[in-house]
C-alpha atoms as a PDB file:
ATOM      1  CA  MET A   1     -32.753  -5.019 -17.980  1.00  0.00           C
ATOM      2  CA  ALA A   2     -29.614  -5.315 -19.845  1.00  0.00           C
ATOM      3  CA  SER A   3     -31.107  -3.091 -22.562  1.00  0.00           C
ATOM      4  CA  ALA A   4     -31.848  -0.267 -19.971  1.00  0.00           C
ATOM      5  CA  ALA A   5     -28.185   0.079 -19.026  1.00  0.00           C
ATOM      6  CA  ALA A   6     -26.981   0.403 -22.626  1.00  0.00           C
ATOM      7  CA  PRO A   7     -28.746   3.838 -23.172  1.00  0.00           C
ATOM      8  CA  ALA A   8     -27.231   5.238 -19.878  1.00  0.00           C
ATOM      9  CA  ALA A   9     -23.789   4.321 -21.045  1.00  0.00           C
ATOM     10  CA  ALA A  10     -24.338   5.877 -24.387  1.00  0.00           C
ATOM     11  CA  ASP A  11     -25.471   9.043 -22.783  1.00  0.00           C
ATOM     12  CA  GLY A  12     -22.219   9.238 -20.662  1.00  0.00           C
ATOM     13  CA  GLN A  13     -24.008   8.707 -17.387  1.00  0.00           C
ATOM     14  CA  MET A  14     -21.723   5.583 -16.665  1.00  0.00           C
ATOM     15  CA  SER A  15     -17.821   5.637 -17.056  1.00  0.00           C
ATOM     16  CA  LEU A  16     -16.716   2.900 -19.346  1.00  0.00           C
ATOM     17  CA  LEU A  17     -12.985   3.774 -18.814  1.00  0.00           C
ATOM     18  CA  PRO A  18     -11.080   1.594 -16.344  1.00  0.00           C
ATOM     19  CA  ALA A  19      -9.535   3.398 -13.315  1.00  0.00           C
ATOM     20  CA  LYS A  20      -5.779   4.128 -13.764  1.00  0.00           C
ATOM     21  CA  ARG A  21      -3.080   4.496 -11.416  1.00  0.00           C
ATOM     22  CA  ILE A  22      -0.734   7.675 -11.598  1.00  0.00           C
ATOM     23  CA  VAL A  23       2.603   7.416 -10.037  1.00  0.00           C
ATOM     24  CA  LEU A  24       4.383  10.546  -8.850  1.00  0.00           C
ATOM     25  CA  THR A  25       8.024  10.830  -7.852  1.00  0.00           C
ATOM     26  CA  ASN A  26      10.549  13.403  -6.485  1.00  0.00           C
ATOM     27  CA  ALA A  27      11.023  14.494 -10.207  1.00  0.00           C
ATOM     28  CA  ASP A  28       7.247  15.554 -10.464  1.00  0.00           C
ATOM     29  CA  SER A  29       7.481  18.484  -7.899  1.00  0.00           C
ATOM     30  CA  GLY A  30       5.824  21.489  -9.406  1.00  0.00           C
ATOM     31  CA  ARG A  31       3.888  19.697 -11.964  1.00  0.00           C
ATOM     32  CA  SER A  32       0.071  19.754 -12.653  1.00  0.00           C
ATOM     33  CA  VAL A  33      -1.699  16.448 -13.444  1.00  0.00           C
ATOM     34  CA  SER A  34      -5.172  15.539 -14.438  1.00  0.00           C
ATOM     35  CA  ALA A  35      -6.963  12.546 -12.986  1.00  0.00           C
ATOM     36  CA  SER A  36     -10.510  11.021 -13.105  1.00  0.00           C
ATOM     37  CA  THR A  37     -12.738   9.981 -10.184  1.00  0.00           C
ATOM     38  CA  GLY A  38     -11.862   6.501  -9.440  1.00  0.00           C
ATOM     39  CA  ASP A  39      -8.237   6.824 -10.296  1.00  0.00           C
ATOM     40  CA  ASP A  40      -5.550   6.052  -7.750  1.00  0.00           C
ATOM     41  CA  ILE A  41      -2.428   8.421  -7.346  1.00  0.00           C
ATOM     42  CA  GLU A  42       0.634   6.900  -5.833  1.00  0.00           C
ATOM     43  CA  VAL A  43       3.253   9.254  -4.475  1.00  0.00           C
ATOM     44  CA  ARG A  44       6.788   7.604  -4.311  1.00  0.00           C
ATOM     45  CA  LEU A  45       9.446   9.995  -2.660  1.00  0.00           C
ATOM     46  CA  THR A  46      12.909   8.814  -2.123  1.00  0.00           C
ATOM     47  CA  HIS A  47      15.504  10.074   0.225  1.00  0.00           C
ATOM     48  CA  TYR A  48      18.869  11.159  -1.000  1.00  0.00           C
ATOM     49  CA  ARG A  49      22.097  12.190   0.378  1.00  0.00           C
ATOM     50  CA  GLU A  50      24.242  15.104  -0.604  1.00  0.00           C
ATOM     51  CA  ARG A  51      27.513  16.344   0.944  1.00  0.00           C
ATOM     52  CA  GLY A  52      26.965  14.947   4.235  1.00  0.00           C
ATOM     53  CA  LEU A  53      23.162  15.630   4.458  1.00  0.00           C
ATOM     54  CA  ASN A  54      20.470  13.169   4.320  1.00  0.00           C
ATOM     55  CA  TYR A  55      17.209  14.473   2.978  1.00  0.00           C
ATOM     56  CA  SER A  56      14.119  12.562   3.919  1.00  0.00           C
ATOM     57  CA  TRP A  57      10.389  12.825   3.277  1.00  0.00           C
ATOM     58  CA  ALA A  58       7.306  12.885   5.591  1.00  0.00           C
ATOM     59  CA  MET A  59       4.295  11.327   3.990  1.00  0.00           C
ATOM     60  CA  SER A  60       2.307  13.537   1.439  1.00  0.00           C
ATOM     61  CA  GLN A  61      -0.995  15.054   2.329  1.00  0.00           C
ATOM     62  CA  SER A  62      -3.848  16.226   0.224  1.00  0.00           C
ATOM     63  CA  SER A  63      -5.183  19.711   0.588  1.00  0.00           C
ATOM     64  CA  GLU A  64      -8.845  18.367   0.158  1.00  0.00           C
ATOM     65  CA  PRO A  65      -9.195  14.831   1.411  1.00  0.00           C
ATOM     66  CA  THR A  66     -12.885  14.745   0.162  1.00  0.00           C
ATOM     67  CA  VAL A  67     -11.476  14.932  -3.346  1.00  0.00           C
ATOM     68  CA  LEU A  68      -8.331  12.897  -3.031  1.00  0.00           C
ATOM     69  CA  ARG A  69      -8.587  10.418   0.059  1.00  0.00           C
ATOM     70  CA  ARG A  70      -5.631   8.636   1.399  1.00  0.00           C
ATOM     71  CA  THR A  71      -6.052   4.953   1.255  1.00  0.00           C
ATOM     72  CA  SER A  72      -2.582   3.734   2.184  1.00  0.00           C
ATOM     73  CA  GLY A  73       0.820   5.116   3.128  1.00  0.00           C
ATOM     74  CA  GLY A  74       3.955   4.489   5.027  1.00  0.00           C
ATOM     75  CA  SER A  75       7.766   5.512   5.335  1.00  0.00           C
ATOM     76  CA  THR A  76      11.074   3.854   5.777  1.00  0.00           C
ATOM     77  CA  PRO A  77      13.750   4.493   8.476  1.00  0.00           C
ATOM     78  CA  ALA A  78      15.944   5.900   5.513  1.00  0.00           C
ATOM     79  CA  GLY A  79      13.417   8.597   4.773  1.00  0.00           C
ATOM     80  CA  ASP A  80      11.555   7.262   1.788  1.00  0.00           C
ATOM     81  CA  ALA A  81       7.685   7.844   2.049  1.00  0.00           C
ATOM     82  CA  THR A  82       4.910   6.211  -0.212  1.00  0.00           C
ATOM     83  CA  VAL A  83       1.265   7.264  -0.155  1.00  0.00           C
ATOM     84  CA  THR A  84      -1.652   6.366  -2.253  1.00  0.00           C
ATOM     85  CA  PHE A  85      -4.640   8.738  -2.871  1.00  0.00           C
ATOM     86  CA  HIS A  86      -7.957   7.612  -4.333  1.00  0.00           C
ATOM     87  CA  GLY A  87     -10.050  10.136  -6.586  1.00  0.00           C
ATOM     88  CA  GLU A  88     -13.585  10.490  -4.827  1.00  0.00           C
ATOM     89  CA  LYS A  89     -14.963  13.476  -6.532  1.00  0.00           C
ATOM     90  CA  ALA A  90     -14.211  16.201  -9.095  1.00  0.00           C
ATOM     91  CA  GLY A  91     -12.071  18.945  -7.735  1.00  0.00           C
ATOM     92  CA  ARG A  92      -8.622  20.609  -7.579  1.00  0.00           C
ATOM     93  CA  VAL A  93      -6.115  19.451  -4.859  1.00  0.00           C
ATOM     94  CA  THR A  94      -2.603  20.139  -3.920  1.00  0.00           C
ATOM     95  CA  LEU A  95      -0.596  17.225  -2.678  1.00  0.00           C
ATOM     96  CA  SER A  96       2.431  18.253  -0.674  1.00  0.00           C
ATOM     97  CA  ALA A  97       5.145  16.634   1.494  1.00  0.00           C
ATOM     98  CA  PRO A  98       7.865  18.395   3.622  1.00  0.00           C
ATOM     99  CA  ARG A  99      11.360  17.302   3.120  1.00  0.00           C
ATOM    100  CA  ARG A 100      13.509  17.095   6.110  1.00  0.00           C
ATOM    101  CA  CYS A 101      17.338  17.540   6.532  1.00  0.00           C
ATOM    102  CA  ARG A 102      19.442  15.314   8.901  1.00  0.00           C
ATOM    103  CA  PRO A 103      22.991  16.214   8.948  1.00  0.00           C
ATOM    104  CA  ASP A 104      26.040  13.833   9.492  1.00  0.00           C
ATOM    105  CA  PRO A 105      28.153  14.984  12.505  1.00  0.00           C
ATOM    106  CA  GLY A 106      30.133  18.015  11.589  1.00  0.00           C
ATOM    107  CA  SER A 107      27.565  19.049   8.845  1.00  0.00           C
ATOM    108  CA  ILE A 108      24.940  21.771   8.897  1.00  0.00           C
ATOM    109  CA  CYS A 109      21.547  21.759   7.165  1.00  0.00           C
ATOM    110  CA  PRO A 110      20.669  24.791   4.963  1.00  0.00           C
ATOM    111  CA  LEU A 111      17.973  26.911   6.165  1.00  0.00           C
ATOM    112  CA  VAL A 112      16.119  26.547   2.751  1.00  0.00           C
ATOM    113  CA  ILE A 113      12.948  24.441   2.971  1.00  0.00           C
ATOM    114  CA  SER A 114      11.627  23.349  -0.401  1.00  0.00           C
ATOM    115  CA  PRO A 115       8.484  21.175  -0.069  1.00  0.00           C
ATOM    116  CA  TRP A 116       7.479  18.735  -2.769  1.00  0.00           C
ATOM    117  CA  ARG A 117       4.058  19.898  -4.429  1.00  0.00           C
ATOM    118  CA  VAL A 118       1.872  18.672  -7.141  1.00  0.00           C
ATOM    119  CA  THR A 119      -1.391  20.141  -8.311  1.00  0.00           C
ATOM    120  CA  VAL A 120      -4.043  17.505  -9.382  1.00  0.00           C
ATOM    121  CA  THR A 121      -7.387  18.158 -11.005  1.00  0.00           C
ATOM    122  CA  VAL A 122      -9.828  15.354 -10.652  1.00  0.00           C
ATOM    123  CA  LYS A 123     -12.572  15.393 -13.266  1.00  0.00           C
END
């Protein structure tokens, strides 16, 4: 039976490459990345403070959960959010997360909303 499996692998019908883990952070917003089915994509968004404003993140979402399925996720009270997605099948997906502003007393949040977005092509 072992000899029957070898030709299938040689024909490219079985993947011989190990799954990989792709880590995306705040700095990756606007990027496009490639992944393979079976890969895990971890999104790690960290909050930050600037001039009396605290910017926090909600957990990221997949525009097509049948392509990239969420397998875990969580957030911290400070505003960090981490989500892991698993590549289920080929397709093109947008991962996105809204950023929220929480002002200190006496500060006002800007009206500009700039969500975090990454396009992932799963092959």
